N, C-alpha and C. Protein backbone atom coordinates (compact mmCIF):
# COMPACT_ATOMS: atom_id res chain seq x y z
N UNK A 1 -1.24 -58.48 -27.36
CA UNK A 1 -1.82 -57.99 -26.05
C UNK A 1 -1.07 -56.97 -25.45
N UNK A 2 -1.73 -55.91 -24.95
CA UNK A 2 -1.19 -54.78 -24.00
C UNK A 2 -0.83 -55.19 -22.79
N UNK A 3 0.42 -54.79 -22.57
CA UNK A 3 0.82 -55.06 -21.11
C UNK A 3 0.41 -53.88 -20.18
N UNK A 4 0.02 -54.24 -18.86
CA UNK A 4 0.04 -53.30 -17.82
C UNK A 4 1.21 -52.46 -17.42
N UNK A 5 1.02 -51.31 -17.02
CA UNK A 5 2.17 -50.48 -16.74
C UNK A 5 2.40 -50.95 -15.32
N UNK A 6 3.91 -50.92 -15.28
CA UNK A 6 4.47 -51.54 -13.86
C UNK A 6 4.90 -50.57 -13.04
N UNK A 7 4.16 -49.19 -13.22
CA UNK A 7 4.59 -48.08 -12.31
C UNK A 7 3.39 -47.28 -12.30
N UNK A 8 3.68 -46.10 -11.33
CA UNK A 8 2.43 -45.23 -10.94
C UNK A 8 2.76 -44.12 -11.99
N UNK A 9 2.03 -43.91 -12.85
CA UNK A 9 2.01 -42.50 -13.93
C UNK A 9 2.14 -41.30 -13.05
N UNK A 10 1.31 -41.04 -12.25
CA UNK A 10 1.41 -39.99 -11.53
C UNK A 10 2.68 -39.85 -10.72
N UNK A 11 3.12 -40.76 -10.09
CA UNK A 11 4.33 -40.75 -9.13
C UNK A 11 5.62 -40.46 -10.46
N UNK A 12 5.58 -41.03 -11.39
CA UNK A 12 6.78 -40.74 -12.12
C UNK A 12 6.77 -39.49 -12.77
N UNK A 13 5.65 -39.09 -13.09
CA UNK A 13 5.23 -37.67 -13.60
C UNK A 13 5.69 -36.62 -12.55
N UNK A 14 5.55 -36.63 -11.34
CA UNK A 14 5.88 -36.00 -10.30
C UNK A 14 7.25 -35.80 -10.35
N UNK A 15 8.22 -36.92 -10.28
CA UNK A 15 9.74 -37.01 -10.37
C UNK A 15 10.36 -36.23 -11.58
N UNK A 16 9.42 -36.38 -12.80
CA UNK A 16 9.94 -35.67 -13.87
C UNK A 16 9.73 -34.12 -13.62
N UNK A 17 8.81 -33.74 -13.11
CA UNK A 17 8.53 -32.39 -13.04
C UNK A 17 9.51 -31.81 -11.96
N UNK A 18 9.88 -32.51 -10.77
CA UNK A 18 10.84 -31.95 -9.94
C UNK A 18 12.17 -31.97 -10.80
N UNK A 19 12.48 -32.94 -11.68
CA UNK A 19 13.91 -32.76 -12.22
C UNK A 19 13.98 -31.72 -13.06
N UNK A 20 12.82 -31.37 -13.83
CA UNK A 20 12.73 -30.16 -14.66
C UNK A 20 12.84 -29.02 -13.99
N UNK A 21 12.22 -29.01 -13.03
CA UNK A 21 12.04 -27.96 -11.92
C UNK A 21 13.42 -27.54 -11.47
N UNK A 22 14.32 -28.51 -11.22
CA UNK A 22 15.48 -28.22 -10.57
C UNK A 22 16.63 -27.92 -11.62
N UNK A 23 16.45 -28.75 -12.72
CA UNK A 23 17.54 -28.38 -13.77
C UNK A 23 17.35 -27.57 -15.09
N UNK A 24 15.95 -27.55 -15.18
CA UNK A 24 15.65 -26.88 -16.41
C UNK A 24 15.29 -27.96 -17.41
N UNK A 25 14.70 -27.51 -18.67
CA UNK A 25 14.36 -28.27 -19.78
C UNK A 25 15.66 -28.73 -20.46
N UNK A 26 16.33 -27.50 -20.97
CA UNK A 26 17.60 -27.88 -21.77
C UNK A 26 18.58 -28.87 -21.06
N UNK A 27 18.80 -28.63 -19.93
CA UNK A 27 19.88 -29.41 -19.11
C UNK A 27 19.37 -30.77 -18.82
N UNK A 28 18.32 -31.12 -18.93
CA UNK A 28 17.72 -32.37 -18.56
C UNK A 28 17.69 -33.37 -19.93
N UNK A 29 18.75 -34.30 -19.79
CA UNK A 29 18.28 -34.96 -21.10
C UNK A 29 17.57 -36.51 -20.91
N UNK A 30 17.29 -37.07 -21.84
CA UNK A 30 16.29 -38.16 -21.69
C UNK A 30 17.02 -39.25 -20.99
N UNK A 31 18.26 -39.36 -20.72
CA UNK A 31 18.89 -40.23 -19.96
C UNK A 31 18.74 -39.88 -18.43
N UNK A 32 18.76 -38.49 -18.23
CA UNK A 32 18.56 -38.13 -16.99
C UNK A 32 17.01 -38.54 -16.54
N UNK A 33 16.03 -38.08 -17.29
CA UNK A 33 14.82 -38.45 -17.04
C UNK A 33 14.47 -40.16 -16.65
N UNK A 34 15.06 -40.82 -17.47
CA UNK A 34 15.15 -42.38 -17.19
C UNK A 34 15.73 -42.50 -15.97
N UNK A 35 16.71 -42.27 -15.57
CA UNK A 35 17.34 -42.50 -14.29
C UNK A 35 16.77 -41.69 -13.33
N UNK A 36 16.13 -40.58 -13.48
CA UNK A 36 15.22 -40.00 -12.02
C UNK A 36 13.90 -40.78 -12.00
N UNK A 37 13.30 -41.04 -12.97
CA UNK A 37 11.95 -41.51 -13.03
C UNK A 37 11.88 -42.87 -12.61
N UNK A 38 13.07 -43.50 -13.14
CA UNK A 38 13.56 -45.06 -12.64
C UNK A 38 12.23 -45.91 -13.60
N UNK A 39 12.01 -45.62 -14.79
CA UNK A 39 11.22 -46.33 -15.78
C UNK A 39 12.18 -46.28 -17.12
N UNK A 40 11.77 -47.19 -18.01
CA UNK A 40 12.39 -47.32 -19.39
C UNK A 40 12.10 -46.22 -20.05
N UNK A 41 13.15 -45.92 -21.06
CA UNK A 41 12.96 -44.92 -22.02
C UNK A 41 11.95 -45.08 -22.88
N UNK A 42 11.54 -46.33 -23.21
CA UNK A 42 10.37 -46.59 -24.11
C UNK A 42 9.16 -46.49 -23.32
N UNK A 43 9.01 -46.74 -22.18
CA UNK A 43 7.69 -46.42 -21.28
C UNK A 43 7.50 -44.93 -21.22
N UNK A 44 8.66 -44.21 -21.13
CA UNK A 44 8.48 -42.68 -21.12
C UNK A 44 7.69 -42.21 -22.39
N UNK A 45 8.30 -42.67 -23.81
CA UNK A 45 7.83 -42.42 -24.97
C UNK A 45 6.45 -42.83 -25.05
N UNK A 46 6.14 -44.18 -24.61
CA UNK A 46 4.68 -44.71 -24.68
C UNK A 46 3.61 -44.03 -23.86
N UNK A 47 4.11 -43.61 -22.68
CA UNK A 47 3.08 -42.94 -21.74
C UNK A 47 3.13 -41.53 -21.93
N UNK A 48 4.24 -40.91 -22.15
CA UNK A 48 4.08 -39.24 -22.15
C UNK A 48 4.37 -38.50 -23.63
N UNK A 49 4.84 -39.49 -24.42
CA UNK A 49 5.27 -38.73 -25.81
C UNK A 49 6.78 -38.51 -25.65
N UNK A 50 7.08 -37.40 -26.35
CA UNK A 50 8.72 -37.12 -26.50
C UNK A 50 8.97 -36.05 -25.18
N UNK A 51 10.20 -35.62 -25.20
CA UNK A 51 10.54 -34.65 -23.87
C UNK A 51 9.71 -33.37 -23.81
N UNK A 52 9.35 -32.95 -24.78
CA UNK A 52 8.59 -31.71 -24.86
C UNK A 52 7.30 -32.17 -24.52
N UNK A 53 6.35 -33.04 -24.89
CA UNK A 53 5.28 -33.46 -24.25
C UNK A 53 5.27 -33.84 -22.95
N UNK A 54 6.46 -34.44 -22.55
CA UNK A 54 6.36 -34.88 -21.00
C UNK A 54 6.56 -33.44 -20.34
N UNK A 55 7.44 -32.52 -20.66
CA UNK A 55 7.50 -31.27 -20.10
C UNK A 55 6.23 -30.47 -20.01
N UNK A 56 5.40 -30.47 -20.96
CA UNK A 56 4.29 -29.88 -20.61
C UNK A 56 3.17 -30.69 -19.74
N UNK A 57 3.36 -32.00 -19.51
CA UNK A 57 2.56 -32.56 -18.59
C UNK A 57 2.91 -32.18 -17.40
N UNK A 58 4.39 -32.16 -17.21
CA UNK A 58 4.96 -31.91 -15.88
C UNK A 58 4.42 -30.45 -15.41
N UNK A 59 4.50 -29.52 -16.55
CA UNK A 59 4.13 -28.12 -16.05
C UNK A 59 2.53 -28.09 -15.83
N UNK A 60 1.93 -28.59 -16.51
CA UNK A 60 0.15 -28.84 -16.04
C UNK A 60 0.16 -29.61 -14.75
N UNK A 61 1.07 -30.37 -14.19
CA UNK A 61 0.91 -31.31 -12.88
C UNK A 61 1.57 -29.99 -11.89
N UNK A 62 2.38 -29.20 -12.26
CA UNK A 62 2.85 -28.29 -11.33
C UNK A 62 1.79 -27.12 -11.02
N UNK A 63 1.01 -26.84 -12.12
CA UNK A 63 0.01 -25.91 -11.94
C UNK A 63 -1.24 -26.43 -11.17
N UNK A 64 -1.46 -27.73 -11.58
CA UNK A 64 -2.73 -28.35 -10.87
C UNK A 64 -2.45 -28.61 -9.30
N UNK A 65 -1.06 -28.74 -9.13
CA UNK A 65 -0.81 -29.04 -7.56
C UNK A 65 -0.13 -28.19 -6.63
N UNK A 66 1.09 -27.77 -7.20
CA UNK A 66 1.94 -26.76 -6.40
C UNK A 66 1.19 -25.58 -6.37
N UNK A 67 0.91 -24.94 -7.23
CA UNK A 67 0.35 -23.48 -7.42
C UNK A 67 -1.17 -23.59 -6.90
N UNK A 68 -1.91 -24.64 -7.25
CA UNK A 68 -3.21 -24.73 -6.74
C UNK A 68 -3.26 -24.60 -4.97
N UNK A 69 -2.37 -25.32 -4.61
CA UNK A 69 -2.26 -25.21 -3.00
C UNK A 69 -1.88 -24.03 -2.52
N UNK A 70 -1.05 -23.23 -3.24
CA UNK A 70 -0.71 -21.93 -2.76
C UNK A 70 -1.78 -20.91 -2.87
N UNK A 71 -2.39 -21.09 -4.13
CA UNK A 71 -3.70 -20.38 -4.21
C UNK A 71 -5.06 -20.70 -3.35
N UNK A 72 -5.14 -21.83 -2.87
CA UNK A 72 -5.99 -22.29 -1.93
C UNK A 72 -5.88 -21.68 -0.70
N UNK A 73 -4.52 -21.89 -0.33
CA UNK A 73 -4.05 -21.05 0.97
C UNK A 73 -4.30 -19.73 1.21
N UNK A 74 -4.11 -18.85 -0.25
CA UNK A 74 -4.22 -17.43 -0.34
C UNK A 74 -5.71 -17.15 0.14
N UNK A 75 -6.66 -18.10 -0.62
CA UNK A 75 -8.05 -17.89 -0.63
C UNK A 75 -8.57 -18.11 0.80
N UNK A 76 -8.00 -19.00 1.32
CA UNK A 76 -8.42 -19.21 3.03
C UNK A 76 -7.98 -18.28 3.91
N UNK A 77 -7.07 -17.31 3.62
CA UNK A 77 -6.66 -16.34 4.67
C UNK A 77 -7.80 -15.12 4.87
N UNK A 78 -7.70 -14.83 6.26
CA UNK A 78 -8.96 -13.81 6.75
C UNK A 78 -9.04 -12.76 6.22
N UNK A 79 -7.81 -12.11 5.46
CA UNK A 79 -7.94 -10.81 5.05
C UNK A 79 -6.98 -10.56 3.67
N UNK A 80 -7.54 -9.72 3.05
CA UNK A 80 -6.76 -9.52 1.50
C UNK A 80 -5.26 -9.59 1.76
N UNK A 81 -4.65 -8.43 2.67
CA UNK A 81 -3.45 -8.57 2.97
C UNK A 81 -2.81 -9.85 3.32
N UNK A 82 -3.24 -10.33 4.17
CA UNK A 82 -2.90 -11.76 4.67
C UNK A 82 -2.61 -12.68 3.45
N UNK A 83 -3.56 -12.69 2.70
CA UNK A 83 -3.72 -13.53 1.40
C UNK A 83 -2.66 -13.08 0.35
N UNK A 84 -2.43 -11.80 0.37
CA UNK A 84 -1.29 -11.40 -0.76
C UNK A 84 0.03 -11.78 -0.19
N UNK A 85 0.36 -11.56 1.07
CA UNK A 85 1.44 -12.06 1.90
C UNK A 85 1.86 -13.44 1.93
N UNK A 86 0.66 -14.26 2.00
CA UNK A 86 1.03 -15.78 1.83
C UNK A 86 1.41 -16.11 0.43
N UNK A 87 0.80 -15.48 -0.50
CA UNK A 87 1.32 -15.68 -1.88
C UNK A 87 2.78 -15.57 -2.18
N UNK A 88 3.04 -14.34 -1.38
CA UNK A 88 4.61 -13.80 -1.65
C UNK A 88 5.65 -14.85 -0.66
N UNK A 89 5.01 -15.21 0.48
CA UNK A 89 5.83 -15.83 1.42
C UNK A 89 5.92 -17.21 0.95
N UNK A 90 4.91 -17.68 0.13
CA UNK A 90 5.23 -19.14 -0.38
C UNK A 90 6.27 -19.19 -1.43
N UNK A 91 6.61 -17.91 -2.03
CA UNK A 91 7.27 -17.71 -3.24
C UNK A 91 8.83 -17.99 -2.67
N UNK A 92 9.32 -17.66 -1.38
CA UNK A 92 10.23 -17.71 -0.91
C UNK A 92 10.38 -18.88 0.31
N UNK A 93 9.51 -19.66 0.49
CA UNK A 93 9.42 -20.62 1.45
C UNK A 93 10.34 -21.87 1.00
N UNK A 94 11.25 -22.41 1.88
CA UNK A 94 12.03 -23.58 1.78
C UNK A 94 11.15 -24.96 2.08
N UNK A 95 11.57 -25.82 0.97
CA UNK A 95 10.64 -27.07 0.99
C UNK A 95 11.86 -28.03 0.69
N UNK A 96 11.97 -28.99 1.50
CA UNK A 96 12.94 -30.08 1.26
C UNK A 96 12.34 -30.86 0.08
N UNK A 97 11.07 -31.30 -0.07
CA UNK A 97 10.40 -31.89 -1.16
C UNK A 97 10.34 -31.31 -2.43
N UNK A 98 10.70 -30.01 -2.46
CA UNK A 98 10.57 -29.41 -3.98
C UNK A 98 11.72 -28.34 -4.11
N UNK A 99 12.12 -28.12 -5.44
CA UNK A 99 13.19 -27.24 -5.66
C UNK A 99 12.74 -25.75 -5.56
N UNK A 100 13.92 -24.88 -5.40
CA UNK A 100 13.58 -23.56 -4.92
C UNK A 100 12.87 -22.89 -6.28
N UNK A 101 12.23 -21.84 -6.13
CA UNK A 101 11.70 -20.89 -7.10
C UNK A 101 10.47 -21.44 -7.85
N UNK A 102 10.14 -21.19 -9.09
CA UNK A 102 8.84 -21.59 -9.66
C UNK A 102 9.12 -22.21 -10.91
N UNK A 103 8.63 -23.30 -11.29
CA UNK A 103 8.75 -23.94 -12.59
C UNK A 103 8.09 -22.92 -13.67
N UNK A 104 7.13 -22.20 -13.33
CA UNK A 104 6.36 -21.38 -14.35
C UNK A 104 7.50 -20.18 -14.80
N UNK A 105 8.02 -19.62 -13.97
CA UNK A 105 9.10 -18.74 -14.25
C UNK A 105 10.15 -19.48 -15.04
N UNK A 106 10.71 -20.49 -14.57
CA UNK A 106 11.88 -20.84 -15.10
C UNK A 106 11.43 -21.29 -16.67
N UNK A 107 10.22 -21.72 -16.79
CA UNK A 107 9.72 -21.93 -18.29
C UNK A 107 9.56 -20.61 -19.05
N UNK A 108 9.23 -19.44 -18.28
CA UNK A 108 9.23 -18.20 -19.06
C UNK A 108 10.51 -17.80 -19.55
N UNK A 109 11.43 -17.98 -18.68
CA UNK A 109 12.64 -17.36 -18.90
C UNK A 109 13.59 -18.28 -20.01
N UNK A 110 13.27 -19.90 -19.78
CA UNK A 110 14.29 -20.55 -20.60
C UNK A 110 13.51 -20.82 -21.97
N UNK A 111 12.14 -20.94 -21.92
CA UNK A 111 11.53 -21.62 -23.24
C UNK A 111 10.40 -20.81 -24.05
N UNK A 112 9.72 -19.83 -23.07
CA UNK A 112 8.69 -19.16 -23.79
C UNK A 112 8.93 -18.33 -25.04
N UNK A 113 10.16 -17.77 -24.75
CA UNK A 113 10.44 -16.71 -26.17
C UNK A 113 10.64 -17.52 -27.51
N UNK A 114 10.80 -18.98 -27.47
CA UNK A 114 11.04 -19.58 -28.74
C UNK A 114 9.94 -20.76 -28.76
N UNK A 115 8.88 -20.75 -27.83
CA UNK A 115 8.00 -21.89 -27.94
C UNK A 115 6.79 -21.32 -27.68
N UNK A 116 5.93 -21.20 -28.77
CA UNK A 116 4.53 -20.55 -28.73
C UNK A 116 3.63 -21.27 -27.87
N UNK A 117 3.66 -22.62 -27.78
CA UNK A 117 2.78 -23.32 -26.81
C UNK A 117 3.00 -22.96 -25.23
N UNK A 118 4.39 -23.19 -24.99
CA UNK A 118 4.64 -22.63 -23.58
C UNK A 118 4.54 -21.22 -23.17
N UNK A 119 4.72 -20.59 -24.28
CA UNK A 119 4.48 -19.03 -23.99
C UNK A 119 3.02 -18.83 -23.58
N UNK A 120 2.23 -19.58 -24.45
CA UNK A 120 0.86 -19.32 -24.01
C UNK A 120 0.41 -19.87 -22.72
N UNK A 121 1.10 -20.88 -22.33
CA UNK A 121 0.93 -21.57 -21.22
C UNK A 121 1.29 -20.66 -19.94
N UNK A 122 2.50 -20.12 -20.12
CA UNK A 122 3.01 -19.12 -19.14
C UNK A 122 2.02 -18.03 -19.07
N UNK A 123 1.68 -17.38 -20.20
CA UNK A 123 0.74 -16.09 -20.08
C UNK A 123 -0.57 -16.60 -19.42
N UNK A 124 -1.10 -17.59 -19.71
CA UNK A 124 -2.49 -18.02 -19.15
C UNK A 124 -2.01 -17.98 -17.46
N UNK A 125 -1.00 -18.67 -17.11
CA UNK A 125 -0.80 -18.87 -15.72
C UNK A 125 -0.62 -17.45 -15.03
N UNK A 126 -0.05 -16.58 -15.67
CA UNK A 126 0.19 -15.30 -15.12
C UNK A 126 -0.95 -14.62 -15.07
N UNK A 127 -1.83 -14.59 -16.11
CA UNK A 127 -3.29 -13.97 -16.07
C UNK A 127 -4.16 -14.49 -14.86
N UNK A 128 -4.14 -15.99 -14.65
CA UNK A 128 -4.73 -16.50 -13.58
C UNK A 128 -4.24 -15.94 -12.15
N UNK A 129 -2.72 -15.53 -12.12
CA UNK A 129 -2.53 -15.26 -11.10
C UNK A 129 -2.78 -13.68 -10.64
N UNK A 130 -2.44 -12.94 -11.58
CA UNK A 130 -3.23 -11.68 -11.62
C UNK A 130 -4.61 -11.58 -11.19
N UNK A 131 -5.21 -12.20 -11.93
CA UNK A 131 -6.73 -12.23 -11.42
C UNK A 131 -7.00 -12.52 -10.03
N UNK A 132 -6.38 -13.60 -9.71
CA UNK A 132 -6.50 -13.86 -8.16
C UNK A 132 -6.10 -12.77 -7.18
N UNK A 133 -5.17 -12.02 -7.56
CA UNK A 133 -4.52 -11.04 -6.78
C UNK A 133 -5.75 -9.77 -6.90
N UNK A 134 -6.09 -9.55 -7.98
CA UNK A 134 -7.03 -8.57 -8.47
C UNK A 134 -8.34 -8.90 -7.45
N UNK A 135 -8.73 -10.03 -7.50
CA UNK A 135 -9.93 -10.44 -6.65
C UNK A 135 -9.81 -10.26 -5.09
N UNK A 136 -8.64 -10.45 -4.65
CA UNK A 136 -8.38 -10.33 -3.41
C UNK A 136 -8.15 -9.01 -3.15
N UNK A 137 -7.87 -7.93 -3.87
CA UNK A 137 -7.61 -6.44 -3.28
C UNK A 137 -9.13 -6.13 -3.55
N UNK A 138 -10.03 -6.43 -4.45
CA UNK A 138 -11.49 -6.05 -4.48
C UNK A 138 -12.12 -6.47 -3.23
N UNK A 139 -12.00 -7.75 -2.77
CA UNK A 139 -12.73 -8.39 -1.68
C UNK A 139 -12.02 -7.45 -0.32
N UNK A 140 -10.95 -6.91 -0.40
CA UNK A 140 -10.26 -6.20 0.83
C UNK A 140 -11.08 -4.89 0.68
N UNK A 141 -11.21 -4.38 -0.46
CA UNK A 141 -11.85 -2.98 -0.56
C UNK A 141 -13.30 -3.28 -0.16
N UNK A 142 -13.88 -4.17 -0.47
CA UNK A 142 -15.36 -4.39 -0.11
C UNK A 142 -15.66 -4.60 1.54
N UNK A 143 -14.65 -5.43 1.86
CA UNK A 143 -14.56 -5.58 3.40
C UNK A 143 -14.28 -4.18 4.27
N UNK A 144 -13.75 -3.20 3.37
CA UNK A 144 -13.18 -1.96 4.29
C UNK A 144 -11.92 -2.09 4.73
N UNK A 145 -11.18 -3.17 4.31
CA UNK A 145 -9.90 -3.29 4.87
C UNK A 145 -8.73 -2.64 3.97
N UNK A 146 -9.08 -2.27 2.67
CA UNK A 146 -8.44 -1.58 1.93
C UNK A 146 -9.01 -0.46 1.26
N UNK A 147 -8.45 0.66 1.01
CA UNK A 147 -8.98 1.84 0.53
C UNK A 147 -9.66 1.65 -0.85
N UNK A 148 -10.80 2.22 -0.91
CA UNK A 148 -11.45 2.03 -2.35
C UNK A 148 -10.83 2.80 -3.53
N UNK A 149 -10.03 3.88 -3.00
CA UNK A 149 -9.35 4.59 -3.93
C UNK A 149 -8.13 3.81 -4.71
N UNK A 150 -7.75 2.83 -3.98
CA UNK A 150 -6.54 1.75 -4.81
C UNK A 150 -7.34 1.18 -6.14
N UNK A 151 -6.30 1.23 -6.98
CA UNK A 151 -6.69 0.71 -8.50
C UNK A 151 -6.41 -0.69 -8.36
N UNK A 152 -7.37 -1.56 -8.18
CA UNK A 152 -7.21 -3.00 -8.30
C UNK A 152 -6.55 -3.50 -9.51
N UNK A 153 -6.84 -3.18 -10.57
CA UNK A 153 -6.10 -3.68 -11.72
C UNK A 153 -4.66 -3.21 -11.76
N UNK A 154 -4.22 -2.09 -11.55
CA UNK A 154 -2.83 -1.75 -11.55
C UNK A 154 -1.98 -2.31 -10.34
N UNK A 155 -2.90 -2.64 -9.22
CA UNK A 155 -1.97 -3.11 -8.01
C UNK A 155 -2.02 -4.64 -8.24
N UNK A 156 -2.83 -5.26 -9.08
CA UNK A 156 -2.85 -6.71 -9.45
C UNK A 156 -1.49 -6.95 -10.41
N UNK A 157 -1.35 -5.99 -11.36
CA UNK A 157 -0.14 -6.15 -12.00
C UNK A 157 1.12 -6.00 -11.44
N UNK A 158 1.10 -4.90 -10.56
CA UNK A 158 2.25 -4.70 -9.41
C UNK A 158 2.74 -6.04 -8.69
N UNK A 159 1.59 -6.41 -7.89
CA UNK A 159 2.03 -7.62 -7.04
C UNK A 159 2.29 -8.98 -7.82
N UNK A 160 1.77 -9.02 -8.92
CA UNK A 160 2.11 -10.01 -9.95
C UNK A 160 3.54 -10.09 -10.39
N UNK A 161 4.03 -8.82 -10.66
CA UNK A 161 5.48 -8.38 -11.13
C UNK A 161 6.27 -8.83 -9.67
N UNK A 162 5.80 -8.28 -8.58
CA UNK A 162 6.87 -8.37 -7.49
C UNK A 162 6.87 -9.93 -7.04
N UNK A 163 5.75 -10.66 -6.98
CA UNK A 163 5.80 -12.03 -7.01
C UNK A 163 6.71 -12.80 -7.89
N UNK A 164 6.70 -12.52 -9.19
CA UNK A 164 7.59 -12.90 -10.05
C UNK A 164 9.18 -12.86 -9.78
N UNK A 165 9.18 -11.46 -9.46
CA UNK A 165 10.76 -11.11 -9.14
C UNK A 165 11.16 -11.99 -8.01
N UNK A 166 10.40 -12.17 -7.01
CA UNK A 166 10.66 -12.98 -5.63
C UNK A 166 11.30 -14.27 -6.29
N UNK A 167 10.32 -14.90 -6.98
CA UNK A 167 10.54 -16.40 -7.59
C UNK A 167 11.69 -16.64 -8.30
N UNK A 168 12.34 -15.49 -8.94
CA UNK A 168 13.62 -15.51 -9.55
C UNK A 168 14.77 -15.28 -8.54
N UNK A 169 14.55 -14.54 -7.61
CA UNK A 169 15.50 -14.01 -6.46
C UNK A 169 15.87 -15.13 -5.83
N UNK A 170 14.65 -15.95 -5.44
CA UNK A 170 14.93 -16.96 -4.60
C UNK A 170 15.93 -18.19 -5.10
N UNK A 171 16.04 -18.25 -6.27
CA UNK A 171 16.94 -19.20 -6.99
C UNK A 171 18.51 -18.66 -7.10
N UNK A 172 18.68 -17.49 -6.43
CA UNK A 172 20.12 -17.11 -6.25
C UNK A 172 20.68 -17.20 -4.95
N UNK A 173 22.07 -16.95 -4.73
CA UNK A 173 22.36 -16.92 -3.44
C UNK A 173 21.68 -15.41 -2.76
N UNK A 174 21.03 -15.68 -1.75
CA UNK A 174 19.89 -14.63 -1.22
C UNK A 174 20.14 -14.48 0.11
N UNK A 175 19.73 -13.41 0.57
CA UNK A 175 19.50 -13.47 2.15
C UNK A 175 18.18 -13.38 2.34
N UNK A 176 17.67 -14.25 3.38
CA UNK A 176 16.26 -14.57 3.66
C UNK A 176 15.60 -13.32 4.26
N UNK A 177 16.44 -12.60 5.12
CA UNK A 177 15.88 -11.34 5.97
C UNK A 177 15.50 -10.43 4.77
N UNK A 178 16.45 -10.19 3.67
CA UNK A 178 16.22 -9.24 2.79
C UNK A 178 14.97 -9.66 2.06
N UNK A 179 14.79 -10.56 1.51
CA UNK A 179 13.73 -11.09 0.88
C UNK A 179 12.37 -10.87 1.46
N UNK A 180 12.59 -11.11 2.90
CA UNK A 180 11.22 -10.85 3.75
C UNK A 180 11.15 -9.12 3.83
N UNK A 181 12.11 -8.50 3.84
CA UNK A 181 11.94 -7.17 3.98
C UNK A 181 11.29 -6.64 2.54
N UNK A 182 11.79 -7.24 1.52
CA UNK A 182 11.08 -7.03 0.05
C UNK A 182 9.70 -7.16 0.24
N UNK A 183 9.10 -8.30 0.74
CA UNK A 183 7.57 -8.58 0.92
C UNK A 183 7.07 -7.48 1.87
N UNK A 184 7.62 -7.17 3.08
CA UNK A 184 7.22 -6.04 3.85
C UNK A 184 6.97 -4.73 3.15
N UNK A 185 7.98 -4.47 2.39
CA UNK A 185 7.87 -3.10 1.67
C UNK A 185 6.77 -3.20 0.69
N UNK A 186 6.72 -4.40 -0.21
CA UNK A 186 5.56 -4.50 -1.30
C UNK A 186 4.22 -4.38 -0.58
N UNK A 187 4.10 -5.03 0.51
CA UNK A 187 2.73 -5.24 1.20
C UNK A 187 2.41 -3.89 1.57
N UNK A 188 3.43 -2.92 1.89
CA UNK A 188 2.86 -1.61 2.35
C UNK A 188 2.32 -0.82 1.62
N UNK A 189 2.36 -1.09 0.22
CA UNK A 189 1.73 -0.23 -0.67
C UNK A 189 0.26 -0.30 -0.68
N UNK A 190 -0.14 -1.31 0.09
CA UNK A 190 -1.66 -1.38 0.46
C UNK A 190 -2.15 -0.62 1.50
N UNK A 191 -1.18 0.07 2.34
CA UNK A 191 -1.60 0.87 3.28
C UNK A 191 -2.20 2.34 3.15
């Protein structure tokens, strides 16, 4: 007879996501996961599979929650410039409830070069981000906010790159004012 789980699967997945985000994949041991998630090793394997499978689930959880909330906030902005600014400011925002930086960028740097599944996941995520930025630029052009002479494809790649750079810089000893200046300079290209 199968036993009922004595834990909230989504809550423990959130704990795993935050641990991977803070420490990285390689530095996080199964014992770290057991301790941090508060469930038995066997429960982790039975529910999520091995460490790699758990990491993929945590990365999906990150995309479905953290990134979707940032994307939604950008889409709810009144102007294209404000939307792009909100994406960039979210990259440097400090939150007590989550680690600094971006789990997707961490994955790209640490794992994507030797893990085809994760490389595909990262590439897909960045393509979605670039498409969002492209659509925001086109929306701004259609509204007359941004010049029609701007190349939305080129700018989408440029802003995606700038956004990725901010997500890396925020994990280092950085000066918040300097990062804000970088955002202002980057946004000024739309003028």
